[in-house]
């Protein structure tokens, strides 16, 4: 997937902040198609090393409305590789003008198995023990869930500050589960983002994510919850392609010792209008023939 995205980056542009778990208030421009691949690598205590990935297809329907499809999978050492399901998400920003704090709302439907290990949202009492059973046992656990996320974002000088509050509910059982994600980032050095260079400091963004669970409606507390402290870096490559890296450090015992993440993002500007133009051209050619 990374190789494929590099091949098409000559026609692509990337944006948004280099976060893996936290959402910023910025949405795709209307008509823009974004393709993003995120991978997470870890090893739970008593378990095998694994690599999990999610492929995100993001489309800006309107200036205030973005829709996304996520496809998830994972491979575990000495076990197997499995497709773990999909997520369908809509993100809405009710106010387009820039305010000191900009709100947005995310509504997501998740159809996943218990083998999903992407860990792009932590809620309730999730811990590393959930990742240790074999894939064959986890794959038979089907989860149909609704996720709601309140997103608050601020841009101050060169800083972006984003806060998320997450609520998740399984349709079949279980109480509402809650989580949080907070992040901030800024370029290493102020300067023109259009400068033609690869290694200059203007192309590098540094930041930090902190995320974890807040319990559920049965036990709203920090007891038996996972929390991570994750420094991150984003690298703006030529032709506006972005690579992101992060190391999440578990701060309490239910957490993994570390989660290593890497992401690659490209955007296709005016994809909707270009697709419609191509479709009309082909239709006109067919009629003329």
Protein backbone atom coordinates (compact mmCIF):
# COMPACT_ATOMS: atom_id res chain seq x y z
CA UNK A 1 0.00 0.00 0.00
CA UNK A 2 2.82 2.42 0.83
CA UNK A 3 4.44 1.72 -2.55
CA UNK A 4 1.15 2.30 -4.37
CA UNK A 5 0.61 5.63 -2.65
CA UNK A 6 4.13 6.79 -3.54
CA UNK A 7 3.47 5.99 -7.20
CA UNK A 8 0.40 8.23 -7.31
CA UNK A 9 1.78 11.06 -5.19
CA UNK A 10 2.69 13.05 -8.31
CA UNK A 11 -1.02 13.84 -8.65
CA UNK A 12 -1.74 14.27 -4.95
CA UNK A 13 -1.74 16.82 -2.19
CA UNK A 14 -1.78 16.14 1.55
CA UNK A 15 -3.00 18.17 4.49
CA UNK A 16 -4.30 17.84 8.06
CA UNK A 17 -2.30 17.32 11.23
CA UNK A 18 0.04 14.32 11.80
CA UNK A 19 -2.17 12.68 14.44
CA UNK A 20 -3.05 8.98 14.61
CA UNK A 21 -5.79 8.87 17.27
CA UNK A 22 -6.85 12.49 17.72
CA UNK A 23 -9.06 14.20 15.13
CA UNK A 24 -8.55 17.87 14.30
CA UNK A 25 -11.42 20.12 13.26
CA UNK A 26 -10.01 20.49 9.73
CA UNK A 27 -11.95 18.61 7.01
CA UNK A 28 -11.15 17.67 3.43
CA UNK A 29 -12.03 20.35 0.89
CA UNK A 30 -15.26 19.69 -1.01
CA UNK A 31 -14.59 17.31 -3.90
CA UNK A 32 -11.23 16.12 -2.53
CA UNK A 33 -10.50 12.41 -2.12
CA UNK A 34 -7.96 11.51 0.53
CA UNK A 35 -6.21 8.13 0.85
CA UNK A 36 -4.40 7.35 4.09
CA UNK A 37 -2.70 4.23 5.35
CA UNK A 38 -1.96 3.87 9.07
CA UNK A 39 -0.04 0.98 10.61
CA UNK A 40 0.43 0.10 14.29
CA UNK A 41 3.00 -2.36 15.68
CA UNK A 42 3.09 -3.73 19.21
CA UNK A 43 3.50 -6.71 21.48
CA UNK A 44 1.23 -7.39 24.48
CA UNK A 45 2.66 -9.02 27.58
CA UNK A 46 2.45 -12.77 27.11
CA UNK A 47 1.48 -12.40 23.45
CA UNK A 48 3.08 -12.30 20.01
CA UNK A 49 4.19 -9.29 18.02
CA UNK A 50 1.60 -7.96 15.61
CA UNK A 51 1.16 -5.39 12.89
CA UNK A 52 -2.26 -3.85 12.26
CA UNK A 53 -3.25 -1.52 9.44
CA UNK A 54 -6.20 0.59 8.42
CA UNK A 55 -6.79 2.01 4.95
CA UNK A 56 -8.82 5.24 5.02
CA UNK A 57 -10.74 6.64 2.06
CA UNK A 58 -11.87 10.18 2.89
CA UNK A 59 -14.07 12.36 0.66
CA UNK A 60 -15.12 15.96 1.16
CA UNK A 61 -18.83 15.97 0.28
CA UNK A 62 -19.31 19.61 1.30
CA UNK A 63 -17.11 22.20 2.96
CA UNK A 64 -18.67 21.25 6.31
CA UNK A 65 -19.18 17.50 5.68
CA UNK A 66 -16.61 14.73 5.21
CA UNK A 67 -17.37 11.02 4.82
CA UNK A 68 -14.87 8.17 5.31
CA UNK A 69 -14.54 4.42 4.87
CA UNK A 70 -11.95 2.47 6.91
CA UNK A 71 -10.79 -1.06 6.04
CA UNK A 72 -8.90 -2.83 8.86
CA UNK A 73 -6.65 -5.87 9.05
CA UNK A 74 -3.79 -7.33 11.08
CA UNK A 75 -1.09 -9.98 11.11
CA UNK A 76 0.17 -11.63 14.29
CA UNK A 77 3.46 -13.49 14.58
CA UNK A 78 3.18 -17.29 14.91
CA UNK A 79 -0.54 -16.97 14.17
CA UNK A 80 -2.25 -15.61 11.04
CA UNK A 81 -3.25 -12.55 9.03
CA UNK A 82 -6.93 -11.58 9.04
CA UNK A 83 -9.26 -8.91 7.71
CA UNK A 84 -10.94 -7.47 10.80
CA UNK A 85 -13.76 -5.34 9.38
CA UNK A 86 -14.73 -1.85 8.33
CA UNK A 87 -15.83 1.48 9.72
CA UNK A 88 -18.08 4.06 8.05
CA UNK A 89 -17.78 7.57 9.38
CA UNK A 90 -19.23 11.03 8.82
CA UNK A 91 -17.60 14.14 10.23
CA UNK A 92 -19.48 17.45 10.33
CA UNK A 93 -18.21 20.93 11.16
CA UNK A 94 -21.26 23.13 11.88
CA UNK A 95 -19.37 26.45 11.79
CA UNK A 96 -16.93 27.17 8.97
CA UNK A 97 -15.49 30.44 10.21
CA UNK A 98 -12.39 30.18 12.38
CA UNK A 99 -13.08 30.69 16.08
CA UNK A 100 -10.83 30.43 19.14
CA UNK A 101 -12.32 26.94 19.60
CA UNK A 102 -13.81 25.22 16.53
CA UNK A 103 -16.28 22.35 17.17
CA UNK A 104 -16.90 19.33 14.95
CA UNK A 105 -18.90 16.11 15.39
CA UNK A 106 -18.02 12.59 14.26
CA UNK A 107 -20.58 9.77 13.88
CA UNK A 108 -19.19 6.34 13.05
CA UNK A 109 -20.59 2.84 12.52
CA UNK A 110 -18.11 0.03 13.23
CA UNK A 111 -18.46 -3.56 12.00
CA UNK A 112 -15.36 -5.26 13.42
CA UNK A 113 -14.23 -8.51 14.95
CA UNK A 114 -12.44 -8.87 18.26
CA UNK A 115 -9.22 -9.43 16.29
CA UNK A 116 -8.97 -5.75 15.36
CA UNK A 117 -5.73 -4.30 16.77
CA UNK A 118 -5.47 -0.91 15.05
CA UNK A 119 -6.13 0.88 18.37
CA UNK A 120 -7.16 4.12 16.68
CA UNK A 121 -9.58 4.73 19.52
CA UNK A 122 -9.34 3.53 23.11
CA UNK A 123 -12.48 3.49 25.23
CA UNK A 124 -13.82 1.86 28.37
CA UNK A 125 -11.50 -0.66 30.00
CA UNK A 126 -9.51 -1.75 26.93
CA UNK A 127 -6.15 -3.28 27.91
CA UNK A 128 -3.34 -5.40 26.48
CA UNK A 129 -4.99 -8.65 27.62
CA UNK A 130 -7.59 -8.10 24.86
CA UNK A 131 -4.81 -8.59 22.27
CA UNK A 132 -3.28 -11.85 23.50
CA UNK A 133 -5.82 -14.60 22.48
CA UNK A 134 -5.23 -16.30 19.08
CA UNK A 135 -6.82 -14.75 16.00
CA UNK A 136 -9.12 -17.73 15.52
CA UNK A 137 -10.73 -17.06 18.90
CA UNK A 138 -10.90 -13.28 18.47
CA UNK A 139 -12.29 -13.40 14.93
CA UNK A 140 -15.56 -15.02 16.03
CA UNK A 141 -16.34 -12.05 18.29
CA UNK A 142 -18.37 -9.66 16.13
CA UNK A 143 -18.87 -6.07 17.21
CA UNK A 144 -21.47 -3.72 15.76
CA UNK A 145 -20.88 -0.37 17.43
CA UNK A 146 -21.82 3.27 17.24
CA UNK A 147 -19.12 5.82 18.01
CA UNK A 148 -19.75 9.49 18.72
CA UNK A 149 -16.88 11.94 19.02
CA UNK A 150 -16.91 15.61 20.03
CA UNK A 151 -13.96 17.36 18.39
CA UNK A 152 -12.64 20.73 19.55
CA UNK A 153 -9.80 22.36 17.63
CA UNK A 154 -7.84 25.60 17.88
CA UNK A 155 -5.19 27.20 15.67
CA UNK A 156 -2.98 29.66 17.55
CA UNK A 157 -0.07 31.16 15.64
CA UNK A 158 1.73 28.05 14.30
CA UNK A 159 0.19 25.70 16.87
CA UNK A 160 -2.71 23.32 16.40
CA UNK A 161 -4.44 22.10 19.57
CA UNK A 162 -7.12 19.39 19.34
CA UNK A 163 -9.27 17.72 22.00
CA UNK A 164 -11.62 14.75 21.52
CA UNK A 165 -14.20 13.17 23.80
CA UNK A 166 -15.31 9.71 22.62
CA UNK A 167 -18.46 7.72 23.44
CA UNK A 168 -19.00 4.22 22.04
CA UNK A 169 -21.91 1.75 22.32
CA UNK A 170 -22.22 -1.85 21.14
CA UNK A 171 -25.68 -2.39 19.59
CA UNK A 172 -25.99 -5.86 21.06
CA UNK A 173 -24.95 -5.39 24.68
CA UNK A 174 -22.61 -3.55 27.05
CA UNK A 175 -22.85 -0.04 28.46
CA UNK A 176 -21.65 3.16 26.86
CA UNK A 177 -17.83 3.31 26.95
CA UNK A 178 -15.84 6.54 27.03
CA UNK A 179 -12.39 7.71 26.03
CA UNK A 180 -10.37 10.82 25.25
CA UNK A 181 -7.61 12.02 22.93
CA UNK A 182 -5.68 15.30 23.17
CA UNK A 183 -2.93 16.49 20.83
CA UNK A 184 -0.91 19.52 19.82
CA UNK A 185 1.63 20.17 17.04
CA UNK A 186 3.57 22.88 15.22
CA UNK A 187 6.21 23.10 12.45
CA UNK A 188 9.81 22.90 13.61
CA UNK A 189 10.47 26.29 12.04
CA UNK A 190 8.25 29.01 10.63
CA UNK A 191 8.64 29.62 6.93
CA UNK A 192 7.05 29.20 3.54
CA UNK A 193 5.43 25.78 3.13
CA UNK A 194 5.88 26.18 -0.66
CA UNK A 195 9.66 26.22 -0.43
CA UNK A 196 11.16 23.54 -2.69
CA UNK A 197 13.11 21.38 -0.25
CA UNK A 198 12.88 18.01 1.48
CA UNK A 199 15.06 18.23 4.56
CA UNK A 200 14.38 21.84 5.62
CA UNK A 201 12.83 22.33 9.06
CA UNK A 202 9.69 23.96 7.63
CA UNK A 203 8.68 20.55 6.26
CA UNK A 204 8.85 18.84 9.66
CA UNK A 205 6.07 19.03 12.24
CA UNK A 206 6.49 17.89 15.82
CA UNK A 207 3.81 17.21 18.37
CA UNK A 208 2.36 15.04 21.10
CA UNK A 209 -0.75 12.90 21.56
CA UNK A 210 -2.18 11.70 24.88
CA UNK A 211 -5.09 9.25 24.73
CA UNK A 212 -6.83 6.56 26.75
CA UNK A 213 -10.03 5.18 28.26
CA UNK A 214 -12.38 6.77 30.78
CA UNK A 215 -14.40 3.73 31.83
CA UNK A 216 -18.08 3.22 31.10
CA UNK A 217 -21.53 3.99 32.48
CA UNK A 218 -21.16 1.12 34.96
CA UNK A 219 -17.77 2.32 36.21
CA UNK A 220 -16.86 5.85 35.10
CA UNK A 221 -13.27 6.04 36.37
CA UNK A 222 -9.63 5.67 35.40
CA UNK A 223 -9.32 2.28 37.15
CA UNK A 224 -8.27 -0.57 34.82
CA UNK A 225 -7.95 1.72 31.80
CA UNK A 226 -5.14 2.17 29.27
CA UNK A 227 -3.33 5.45 28.64
CA UNK A 228 -0.60 6.45 26.21
CA UNK A 229 1.85 9.33 25.87
CA UNK A 230 2.88 9.57 22.20
CA UNK A 231 5.46 11.97 20.71
CA UNK A 232 5.00 12.26 16.95
CA UNK A 233 6.56 13.79 13.87
CA UNK A 234 5.15 14.63 10.45
CA UNK A 235 7.29 14.99 7.32
CA UNK A 236 5.94 16.90 4.33
CA UNK A 237 7.44 15.23 1.25
CA UNK A 238 7.70 16.63 -2.30
CA UNK A 239 4.43 16.98 -4.17
CA UNK A 240 2.63 17.46 -0.87
CA UNK A 241 2.72 13.88 0.40
CA UNK A 242 3.00 13.38 4.17
CA UNK A 243 4.67 10.69 6.25
CA UNK A 244 3.84 10.50 9.96
CA UNK A 245 5.60 8.63 12.76
CA UNK A 246 4.67 8.11 16.41
CA UNK A 247 5.77 6.08 19.42
CA UNK A 248 3.04 5.60 22.02
CA UNK A 249 4.39 4.83 25.48
CA UNK A 250 2.05 3.07 27.89
CA UNK A 251 1.85 4.98 31.17
CA UNK A 252 -0.11 2.44 33.29
CA UNK A 253 0.01 -1.35 33.65
CA UNK A 254 -3.07 -2.26 31.49
CA UNK A 255 -1.37 -0.56 28.50
CA UNK A 256 1.10 -1.99 26.01
CA UNK A 257 4.67 -1.02 26.77
CA UNK A 258 4.83 0.74 23.40
CA UNK A 259 2.89 1.20 20.16
CA UNK A 260 4.86 2.14 17.05
CA UNK A 261 2.86 3.88 14.33
CA UNK A 262 3.56 5.01 10.78
CA UNK A 263 1.18 6.68 8.35
CA UNK A 264 1.19 7.86 4.73
CA UNK A 265 -1.35 10.34 3.35
CA UNK A 266 -2.14 11.67 -0.13
CA UNK A 267 -5.06 13.81 -1.36
CA UNK A 268 -6.58 14.11 -4.84
CA UNK A 269 -7.88 17.66 -5.29
CA UNK A 270 -11.09 18.16 -7.29
CA UNK A 271 -11.56 14.40 -7.55
CA UNK A 272 -15.34 14.71 -7.74
CA UNK A 273 -15.37 17.21 -10.61
CA UNK A 274 -12.62 15.33 -12.48
CA UNK A 275 -14.51 12.05 -12.12
CA UNK A 276 -17.73 13.62 -13.38
CA UNK A 277 -15.90 15.25 -16.31
CA UNK A 278 -14.32 11.90 -17.25
CA UNK A 279 -17.67 10.12 -16.98
CA UNK A 280 -19.39 12.74 -19.18
CA UNK A 281 -16.59 12.55 -21.75
CA UNK A 282 -16.87 8.78 -21.96
CA UNK A 283 -20.65 8.97 -22.22
CA UNK A 284 -20.45 11.54 -25.01
CA UNK A 285 -17.89 9.39 -26.86
CA UNK A 286 -20.11 6.33 -26.52
CA UNK A 287 -23.14 8.20 -27.94
CA UNK A 288 -21.13 9.55 -30.87
CA UNK A 289 -20.00 6.03 -31.75
